[in-house]
Structures are given as C-alpha cells and as structure tokens.
C-alpha atoms as a PDB file:
ATOM      1  CA  MET A   1      70.361 104.726 -34.407  1.00  0.00           C
ATOM      2  CA  PRO A   2      68.703 107.550 -36.588  1.00  0.00           C
ATOM      3  CA  THR A   3      65.434 107.026 -37.100  1.00  0.00           C
ATOM      4  CA  ILE A   4      63.056 107.840 -40.099  1.00  0.00           C
ATOM      5  CA  SER A   5      61.623 110.715 -38.297  1.00  0.00           C
ATOM      6  CA  SER A   6      65.050 111.889 -36.770  1.00  0.00           C
ATOM      7  CA  ASN A   7      66.316 111.646 -40.884  1.00  0.00           C
ATOM      8  CA  ILE A   8      63.688 113.828 -42.016  1.00  0.00           C
ATOM      9  CA  ALA A   9      63.920 116.923 -39.621  1.00  0.00           C
ATOM     10  CA  ARG A  10      67.864 116.603 -40.798  1.00  0.00           C
ATOM     11  CA  ILE A  11      66.606 116.625 -44.829  1.00  0.00           C
ATOM     12  CA  ASN A  12      63.942 119.283 -43.748  1.00  0.00           C
ATOM     13  CA  GLU A  13      66.872 121.591 -41.993  1.00  0.00           C
ATOM     14  CA  SER A  14      69.203 120.614 -45.060  1.00  0.00           C
ATOM     15  CA  ILE A  15      66.299 121.778 -47.081  1.00  0.00           C
ATOM     16  CA  LEU A  16      66.021 125.247 -45.423  1.00  0.00           C
ATOM     17  CA  GLU A  17      69.207 125.986 -45.515  1.00  0.00           C
ATOM     18  CA  ALA A  18      69.893 125.187 -49.304  1.00  0.00           C
ATOM     19  CA  ALA A  19      67.187 127.595 -49.999  1.00  0.00           C
ATOM     20  CA  ALA A  20      68.203 130.430 -47.849  1.00  0.00           C
ATOM     21  CA  ILE A  21      71.676 130.311 -49.951  1.00  0.00           C
ATOM     22  CA  SER A  22      69.885 129.886 -53.155  1.00  0.00           C
ATOM     23  CA  ASN A  23      68.550 133.329 -54.491  1.00  0.00           C
ATOM     24  CA  PHE A  24      65.115 130.899 -55.446  1.00  0.00           C
ATOM     25  CA  PRO A  25      62.410 131.915 -52.994  1.00  0.00           C
ATOM     26  CA  GLU A  26      60.111 129.030 -54.099  1.00  0.00           C
ATOM     27  CA  LYS A  27      59.299 126.643 -51.291  1.00  0.00           C
ATOM     28  CA  VAL A  28      60.877 123.489 -51.870  1.00  0.00           C
ATOM     29  CA  THR A  29      58.216 120.748 -51.689  1.00  0.00           C
ATOM     30  CA  LEU A  30      60.245 117.009 -50.220  1.00  0.00           C
ATOM     31  CA  VAL A  31      58.814 113.591 -52.194  1.00  0.00           C
ATOM     32  CA  ALA A  32      60.189 110.416 -49.891  1.00  0.00           C
ATOM     33  CA  VAL A  33      60.743 108.052 -52.669  1.00  0.00           C
ATOM     34  CA  SER A  34      59.359 104.842 -50.890  1.00  0.00           C
ATOM     35  CA  LYS A  35      60.394 101.791 -53.762  1.00  0.00           C
ATOM     36  CA  GLY A  36      61.794  99.050 -52.129  1.00  0.00           C
ATOM     37  CA  HIS A  37      60.176  99.832 -48.311  1.00  0.00           C
ATOM     38  CA  SER A  38      57.719  98.191 -45.983  1.00  0.00           C
ATOM     39  CA  PHE A  39      54.609  99.860 -45.312  1.00  0.00           C
ATOM     40  CA  ASP A  40      55.446 100.471 -41.532  1.00  0.00           C
ATOM     41  CA  LYS A  41      58.198 102.715 -42.924  1.00  0.00           C
ATOM     42  CA  ILE A  42      55.742 104.714 -45.152  1.00  0.00           C
ATOM     43  CA  ILE A  43      53.152 105.511 -42.016  1.00  0.00           C
ATOM     44  CA  GLU A  44      56.333 106.116 -40.078  1.00  0.00           C
ATOM     45  CA  ALA A  45      56.992 108.784 -42.689  1.00  0.00           C
ATOM     46  CA  PHE A  46      54.208 109.597 -42.740  1.00  0.00           C
ATOM     47  CA  ASN A  47      53.396 110.357 -39.225  1.00  0.00           C
ATOM     48  CA  ALA A  48      56.920 112.682 -39.383  1.00  0.00           C
ATOM     49  CA  GLY A  49      55.032 115.024 -41.843  1.00  0.00           C
ATOM     50  CA  ILE A  50      55.440 113.462 -45.109  1.00  0.00           C
ATOM     51  CA  ILE A  51      52.819 113.867 -47.706  1.00  0.00           C
ATOM     52  CA  ASN A  52      54.158 113.060 -50.887  1.00  0.00           C
ATOM     53  CA  PHE A  53      55.550 109.766 -51.550  1.00  0.00           C
ATOM     54  CA  GLY A  54      57.062 108.101 -54.940  1.00  0.00           C
ATOM     55  CA  GLU A  55      57.183 104.809 -56.451  1.00  0.00           C
ATOM     56  CA  ASN A  56      59.008 103.811 -59.810  1.00  0.00           C
ATOM     57  CA  TYR A  57      57.532 100.066 -59.754  1.00  0.00           C
ATOM     58  CA  LEU A  58      53.717 100.235 -60.535  1.00  0.00           C
ATOM     59  CA  GLN A  59      52.700  96.706 -59.138  1.00  0.00           C
ATOM     60  CA  GLU A  60      54.435  97.797 -55.718  1.00  0.00           C
ATOM     61  CA  ALA A  61      52.734 100.866 -55.847  1.00  0.00           C
ATOM     62  CA  LEU A  62      49.504  99.526 -56.289  1.00  0.00           C
ATOM     63  CA  ASN A  63      49.880  97.351 -53.301  1.00  0.00           C
ATOM     64  CA  LYS A  64      51.027  99.821 -50.911  1.00  0.00           C
ATOM     65  CA  LYS A  65      48.314 102.023 -52.390  1.00  0.00           C
ATOM     66  CA  LEU A  66      45.727  99.773 -51.450  1.00  0.00           C
ATOM     67  CA  HIS A  67      46.969  99.123 -48.186  1.00  0.00           C
ATOM     68  CA  LEU A  68      47.454 102.726 -47.108  1.00  0.00           C
ATOM     69  CA  GLU A  69      43.740 104.189 -48.636  1.00  0.00           C
ATOM     70  CA  GLU A  70      43.494 105.070 -45.250  1.00  0.00           C
ATOM     71  CA  PHE A  71      45.946 107.758 -45.578  1.00  0.00           C
ATOM     72  CA  ALA A  72      45.897 111.277 -47.215  1.00  0.00           C
ATOM     73  CA  ILE A  73      48.916 110.402 -49.212  1.00  0.00           C
ATOM     74  CA  GLN A  74      49.859 112.554 -53.108  1.00  0.00           C
ATOM     75  CA  TRP A  75      51.694 109.340 -54.731  1.00  0.00           C
ATOM     76  CA  HIS A  76      54.049 110.120 -57.806  1.00  0.00           C
ATOM     77  CA  PHE A  77      54.880 107.998 -60.343  1.00  0.00           C
ATOM     78  CA  LEU A  78      58.750 108.274 -61.189  1.00  0.00           C
ATOM     79  CA  GLY A  79      59.630 105.428 -63.643  1.00  0.00           C
ATOM     80  CA  PRO A  80      60.358 104.921 -67.074  1.00  0.00           C
ATOM     81  CA  ILE A  81      56.621 104.555 -68.766  1.00  0.00           C
ATOM     82  CA  GLN A  82      55.180 101.600 -70.805  1.00  0.00           C
ATOM     83  CA  SER A  83      52.016 102.241 -72.765  1.00  0.00           C
ATOM     84  CA  ASN A  84      50.336  99.055 -71.227  1.00  0.00           C
ATOM     85  CA  LYS A  85      50.982 100.384 -68.292  1.00  0.00           C
ATOM     86  CA  CYS A  86      49.195 103.752 -68.332  1.00  0.00           C
ATOM     87  CA  ARG A  87      45.587 102.637 -67.429  1.00  0.00           C
ATOM     88  CA  LEU A  88      46.817 102.198 -63.846  1.00  0.00           C
ATOM     89  CA  ILE A  89      48.873 105.012 -63.309  1.00  0.00           C
ATOM     90  CA  ALA A  90      46.411 107.384 -64.575  1.00  0.00           C
ATOM     91  CA  GLU A  91      43.751 106.157 -62.602  1.00  0.00           C
ATOM     92  CA  ASN A  92      46.005 105.647 -59.220  1.00  0.00           C
ATOM     93  CA  PHE A  93      48.380 109.137 -59.139  1.00  0.00           C
ATOM     94  CA  ASP A  94      48.227 112.483 -58.524  1.00  0.00           C
ATOM     95  CA  TRP A  95      51.813 113.004 -60.119  1.00  0.00           C
ATOM     96  CA  VAL A  96      53.702 111.541 -62.963  1.00  0.00           C
ATOM     97  CA  HIS A  97      57.164 112.775 -62.906  1.00  0.00           C
ATOM     98  CA  SER A  98      58.529 110.617 -66.369  1.00  0.00           C
ATOM     99  CA  VAL A  99      56.477 111.586 -69.585  1.00  0.00           C
ATOM    100  CA  ASP A 100      58.594 111.662 -72.487  1.00  0.00           C
ATOM    101  CA  ARG A 101      55.835 111.086 -75.155  1.00  0.00           C
ATOM    102  CA  ILE A 102      52.656 112.632 -76.549  1.00  0.00           C
ATOM    103  CA  LYS A 103      51.370 108.830 -77.160  1.00  0.00           C
ATOM    104  CA  VAL A 104      52.334 108.336 -73.483  1.00  0.00           C
ATOM    105  CA  MET A 105      50.211 111.739 -72.597  1.00  0.00           C
ATOM    106  CA  LYS A 106      47.257 110.902 -74.522  1.00  0.00           C
ATOM    107  CA  LEU A 107      46.699 107.239 -73.197  1.00  0.00           C
ATOM    108  CA  LEU A 108      47.081 109.085 -69.794  1.00  0.00           C
ATOM    109  CA  ASN A 109      44.773 111.841 -70.620  1.00  0.00           C
ATOM    110  CA  ASP A 110      41.959 109.075 -71.759  1.00  0.00           C
ATOM    111  CA  PHE A 111      42.566 106.550 -68.656  1.00  0.00           C
ATOM    112  CA  ARG A 112      42.178 109.881 -66.554  1.00  0.00           C
ATOM    113  CA  PRO A 113      38.887 109.431 -64.467  1.00  0.00           C
ATOM    114  CA  SER A 114      36.253 112.119 -65.189  1.00  0.00           C
ATOM    115  CA  ASN A 115      35.580 112.340 -61.360  1.00  0.00           C
ATOM    116  CA  ALA A 116      39.483 112.895 -61.120  1.00  0.00           C
ATOM    117  CA  PRO A 117      41.366 115.959 -60.410  1.00  0.00           C
ATOM    118  CA  PRO A 118      43.815 116.864 -63.525  1.00  0.00           C
ATOM    119  CA  LEU A 119      47.164 114.335 -63.550  1.00  0.00           C
ATOM    120  CA  ASN A 120      50.182 116.391 -62.598  1.00  0.00           C
ATOM    121  CA  ILE A 121      53.035 115.897 -65.219  1.00  0.00           C
ATOM    122  CA  CYS A 122      56.537 116.771 -65.070  1.00  0.00           C
ATOM    123  CA  ILE A 123      57.792 116.260 -68.698  1.00  0.00           C
ATOM    124  CA  GLN A 124      61.864 114.571 -67.956  1.00  0.00           C
ATOM    125  CA  ILE A 125      64.552 115.227 -69.712  1.00  0.00           C
ATOM    126  CA  ASN A 126      67.400 113.236 -69.878  1.00  0.00           C
ATOM    127  CA  SER A 127      69.609 115.965 -69.084  1.00  0.00           C
ATOM    128  CA  SER A 128      72.813 113.575 -68.696  1.00  0.00           C
ATOM    129  CA  GLY A 129      72.378 112.222 -72.565  1.00  0.00           C
ATOM    130  CA  GLU A 130      73.096 109.118 -71.288  1.00  0.00           C
ATOM    131  CA  ASP A 131      71.314 106.377 -73.350  1.00  0.00           C
ATOM    132  CA  THR A 132      70.239 104.089 -69.840  1.00  0.00           C
ATOM    133  CA  LYS A 133      68.157 107.284 -69.120  1.00  0.00           C
ATOM    134  CA  SER A 134      64.517 107.725 -70.190  1.00  0.00           C
ATOM    135  CA  GLY A 135      63.371 111.856 -71.616  1.00  0.00           C
ATOM    136  CA  ILE A 136      63.564 114.277 -73.979  1.00  0.00           C
ATOM    137  CA  GLY A 137      67.348 114.811 -74.820  1.00  0.00           C
ATOM    138  CA  MET A 138      68.777 118.505 -73.460  1.00  0.00           C
ATOM    139  CA  ASN A 139      70.336 119.230 -77.053  1.00  0.00           C
ATOM    140  CA  ASP A 140      66.754 119.338 -78.867  1.00  0.00           C
ATOM    141  CA  ALA A 141      64.676 120.217 -75.571  1.00  0.00           C
ATOM    142  CA  GLN A 142      63.257 123.277 -76.300  1.00  0.00           C
ATOM    143  CA  SER A 143      61.388 122.057 -79.652  1.00  0.00           C
ATOM    144  CA  HIS A 144      60.147 119.007 -78.208  1.00  0.00           C
ATOM    145  CA  LEU A 145      59.377 120.853 -74.894  1.00  0.00           C
ATOM    146  CA  MET A 146      56.916 123.034 -77.156  1.00  0.00           C
ATOM    147  CA  ASP A 147      55.550 119.647 -79.464  1.00  0.00           C
ATOM    148  CA  LEU A 148      54.508 118.213 -76.239  1.00  0.00           C
ATOM    149  CA  VAL A 149      53.057 121.501 -74.790  1.00  0.00           C
ATOM    150  CA  SER A 150      51.221 121.889 -78.121  1.00  0.00           C
ATOM    151  CA  ALA A 151      49.863 118.717 -78.152  1.00  0.00           C
ATOM    152  CA  LEU A 152      48.399 119.336 -74.112  1.00  0.00           C
ATOM    153  CA  LYS A 153      46.185 121.789 -75.992  1.00  0.00           C
ATOM    154  CA  GLU A 154      43.796 118.844 -76.329  1.00  0.00           C
ATOM    155  CA  LEU A 155      44.397 116.852 -72.905  1.00  0.00           C
ATOM    156  CA  PRO A 156      42.139 118.259 -70.492  1.00  0.00           C
ATOM    157  CA  LYS A 157      42.613 115.745 -67.858  1.00  0.00           C
ATOM    158  CA  LEU A 158      46.506 116.339 -67.715  1.00  0.00           C
ATOM    159  CA  LYS A 159      47.878 119.708 -65.633  1.00  0.00           C
ATOM    160  CA  LEU A 160      51.786 120.651 -66.791  1.00  0.00           C
ATOM    161  CA  ARG A 161      53.625 121.021 -63.822  1.00  0.00           C
ATOM    162  CA  GLY A 162      57.139 121.557 -64.863  1.00  0.00           C
ATOM    163  CA  ILE A 163      60.304 119.323 -66.179  1.00  0.00           C
ATOM    164  CA  MET A 164      62.107 116.935 -63.844  1.00  0.00           C
ATOM    165  CA  SER A 165      65.714 115.583 -64.690  1.00  0.00           C
ATOM    166  CA  ILE A 166      68.532 112.819 -63.326  1.00  0.00           C
ATOM    167  CA  PRO A 167      71.783 113.635 -63.278  1.00  0.00           C
ATOM    168  CA  THR A 168      74.649 111.999 -64.136  1.00  0.00           C
ATOM    169  CA  ASN A 169      75.897 109.731 -61.745  1.00  0.00           C
ATOM    170  CA  THR A 170      79.877 111.091 -61.546  1.00  0.00           C
ATOM    171  CA  GLU A 171      81.862 111.966 -58.671  1.00  0.00           C
ATOM    172  CA  SER A 172      82.277 115.516 -60.679  1.00  0.00           C
ATOM    173  CA  SER A 173      80.234 118.286 -58.843  1.00  0.00           C
ATOM    174  CA  GLU A 174      80.681 120.223 -61.383  1.00  0.00           C
ATOM    175  CA  GLN A 175      79.175 118.437 -63.913  1.00  0.00           C
ATOM    176  CA  VAL A 176      76.034 117.809 -62.331  1.00  0.00           C
ATOM    177  CA  ILE A 177      75.888 121.638 -61.007  1.00  0.00           C
ATOM    178  CA  ASN A 178      75.918 122.374 -64.474  1.00  0.00           C
ATOM    179  CA  GLU A 179      73.039 120.132 -65.585  1.00  0.00           C
ATOM    180  CA  PHE A 180      70.910 121.958 -62.903  1.00  0.00           C
ATOM    181  CA  LYS A 181      71.984 124.977 -64.471  1.00  0.00           C
ATOM    182  CA  SER A 182      70.572 124.205 -67.113  1.00  0.00           C
ATOM    183  CA  MET A 183      67.352 122.773 -66.492  1.00  0.00           C
ATOM    184  CA  TYR A 184      66.893 125.546 -64.441  1.00  0.00           C
ATOM    185  CA  MET A 185      67.311 127.808 -67.983  1.00  0.00           C
ATOM    186  CA  LEU A 186      64.521 125.241 -69.772  1.00  0.00           C
ATOM    187  CA  TYR A 187      62.339 125.643 -66.480  1.00  0.00           C
ATOM    188  CA  SER A 188      62.417 129.320 -66.485  1.00  0.00           C
ATOM    189  CA  LYS A 189      61.830 129.651 -70.075  1.00  0.00           C
ATOM    190  CA  LEU A 190      58.420 127.149 -69.952  1.00  0.00           C
ATOM    191  CA  LYS A 191      57.395 128.953 -66.966  1.00  0.00           C
ATOM    192  CA  ASN A 192      57.447 132.080 -68.320  1.00  0.00           C
ATOM    193  CA  GLN A 193      55.470 130.617 -71.149  1.00  0.00           C
ATOM    194  CA  ILE A 194      52.841 128.409 -69.554  1.00  0.00           C
ATOM    195  CA  ASP A 195      50.838 129.656 -65.869  1.00  0.00           C
ATOM    196  CA  THR A 196      50.408 126.017 -64.653  1.00  0.00           C
ATOM    197  CA  VAL A 197      54.113 125.384 -64.721  1.00  0.00           C
ATOM    198  CA  ASP A 198      55.423 125.705 -60.798  1.00  0.00           C
ATOM    199  CA  THR A 199      57.999 122.603 -60.443  1.00  0.00           C
ATOM    200  CA  LEU A 200      61.306 121.932 -61.236  1.00  0.00           C
ATOM    201  CA  SER A 201      61.638 118.268 -60.053  1.00  0.00           C
ATOM    202  CA  MET A 202      65.406 117.509 -59.772  1.00  0.00           C
ATOM    203  CA  GLY A 203      67.945 116.071 -56.765  1.00  0.00           C
ATOM    204  CA  MET A 204      68.044 112.832 -54.801  1.00  0.00           C
ATOM    205  CA  SER A 205      69.642 111.953 -51.485  1.00  0.00           C
ATOM    206  CA  ASN A 206      73.251 112.775 -52.654  1.00  0.00           C
ATOM    207  CA  ASP A 207      72.353 116.142 -54.832  1.00  0.00           C
ATOM    208  CA  PHE A 208      69.141 117.933 -53.271  1.00  0.00           C
ATOM    209  CA  LYS A 209      71.038 120.458 -51.558  1.00  0.00           C
ATOM    210  CA  PRO A 210      73.089 121.845 -54.732  1.00  0.00           C
ATOM    211  CA  ALA A 211      69.997 121.229 -56.711  1.00  0.00           C
ATOM    212  CA  ILE A 212      67.855 123.299 -54.308  1.00  0.00           C
ATOM    213  CA  GLU A 213      70.884 126.093 -54.487  1.00  0.00           C
ATOM    214  CA  HIS A 214      70.531 125.847 -58.234  1.00  0.00           C
ATOM    215  CA  GLY A 215      66.748 126.446 -58.578  1.00  0.00           C
ATOM    216  CA  SER A 216      64.947 123.337 -57.891  1.00  0.00           C
ATOM    217  CA  ASN A 217      61.594 122.983 -55.746  1.00  0.00           C
ATOM    218  CA  LEU A 218      60.888 119.175 -55.478  1.00  0.00           C
ATOM    219  CA  VAL A 219      63.406 116.837 -54.443  1.00  0.00           C
ATOM    220  CA  ARG A 220      63.006 113.240 -54.406  1.00  0.00           C
ATOM    221  CA  VAL A 221      64.812 111.870 -51.344  1.00  0.00           C
ATOM    222  CA  GLY A 222      64.675 107.993 -50.588  1.00  0.00           C
ATOM    223  CA  THR A 223      68.132 106.491 -48.836  1.00  0.00           C
ATOM    224  CA  ALA A 224      68.698 109.557 -47.018  1.00  0.00           C
ATOM    225  CA  ILE A 225      64.781 108.837 -45.314  1.00  0.00           C
ATOM    226  CA  PHE A 226      64.661 105.018 -45.164  1.00  0.00           C
ATOM    227  CA  GLY A 227      68.209 103.858 -45.236  1.00  0.00           C
ATOM    228  CA  ALA A 228      69.188 101.435 -48.069  1.00  0.00           C
ATOM    229  CA  ARG A 229      66.169  99.546 -49.650  1.00  0.00           C
ATOM    230  CA  ALA A 230      65.275  95.812 -48.023  1.00  0.00           C
ATOM    231  CA  MET A 231      62.730  94.877 -49.992  1.00  0.00           C
ATOM    232  CA  LYS A 232      62.967  93.282 -53.656  1.00  0.00           C
ATOM    233  CA  THR A 233      60.528  94.398 -56.442  1.00  0.00           C
ATOM    234  CA  GLN A 234      57.417  92.735 -56.491  1.00  0.00           C
ATOM    235  CA  GLY A 235      57.729  91.304 -60.534  1.00  0.00           C
ATOM    236  CA  ASP A 236      56.888  94.523 -62.263  1.00  0.00           C
ATOM    237  CA  ASP A 237      59.382  95.292 -65.326  1.00  0.00           C
ATOM    238  CA  ASN A 238      58.680  98.908 -65.738  1.00  0.00           C
END
C-alpha cells in the first residue's frame, strides 16, 4: 500500500518529468493540500520534505497550526475569503491564493501584524467562467488585475506574488490546456510589469503535469499525496 512518503517521491518525480518537457525553466513548488487530513498525515508529509501546506477551511487550519507550531511550516490559505475572516487569515497565514477584491486586500493589509513579513498573495482568476467558482473573470481579467495592482501601492503589508486558478472540472483535456495557456499569458504580462510577481499557481492532483508543461510553477496537490479525505470540516462555512 502506498505511503505518503512514497506518494510524494512519485509526485516529485512527475514534477521533474513535466518540467523537463516544458520550455519553462522555473523551479516548481509543491503545496500539499491538507484539508480534511489529520495532524499525523501532515507530520508524515513534512518529514518527507514538504514545507508548504494548503488549507481551505479557516477553523480547521487554525487548529492544525496551533497543534503543529513546532514545525517550520509555510501555511497557504486557498479557500474563498469572507470579510469577517480576514483578521485571522492575515494573522496566521504566510500565503493567500484566493484574493479577488480590493476590499479583502485592504482588510488583509490592515490586519497583518506589523512585526510579520508581508503577506504573500495571489490573485484568483476564474479561468473556467463557472459561476460556482470565485475569482476575476477571464474576459476582463487584465483591467481588473490592474485595478488590484494599483490598490496594492497603498498596501505595504501585502506582497503580490502572482495569480491562481482552478480549471474547469471536465474530461476535455483540450479545454483545460486552453485555460492553462490563457493563464500563462496573463501571468507573463503581470510578471513583466511587477517585480515581485514570480508565481503561477495552477494544477492539482489530476492535472498538475499538464499545468507544469504549460507554465505553472506552483501546484496544489492533495488526494495524490494523502488519499481521500477522511476528516469532516470543522464547522467552518468559509
């Protein structure tokens, strides 16, 4: 039976293979999406070399952070952001991948502790156009991105690192790849304009290899590392 450690080794090998196929020289970061998984599984992944962990549900994440504070983990918040959650997100996470509104950016900046490093943020793009997904619509992404970038000039506790997307859940690999290509074009334009931008966050368990082949340099992998989720979320509707 595969272990978390062997799963990570296999995924790292697949990442290297995909990066070799692509024409993109950037190193790929693996974020282990640990929502719904136990402390022990996170520790096992950490001991196998993972330092970046992603969570979608705030209360569950805070509980894990409290119990795992002895481990040098970088915590990534991946879920939709409600205004009333911004203080706890700003105080407890190293990265936020799901920013899509100026109001949220201002709150994250205001609540970020002064003694903490700037909060790394990615702006979420709704590359699929699905109503059920958060993010800036792809059709007007360029203009909305510039609005957010302009607002960031007054928000010194935030550091724009890049953009994030969740592709369409479809059997059509062609559609997903087209979304990846569009995201890379958007990322390239943003990177040429903003010095701090270095992250294209796209690709999950079922599509991280084609995502890397089309320019992703941060992938968010859960099931392929940990298996199916066993824990129920802990009363957080975020």
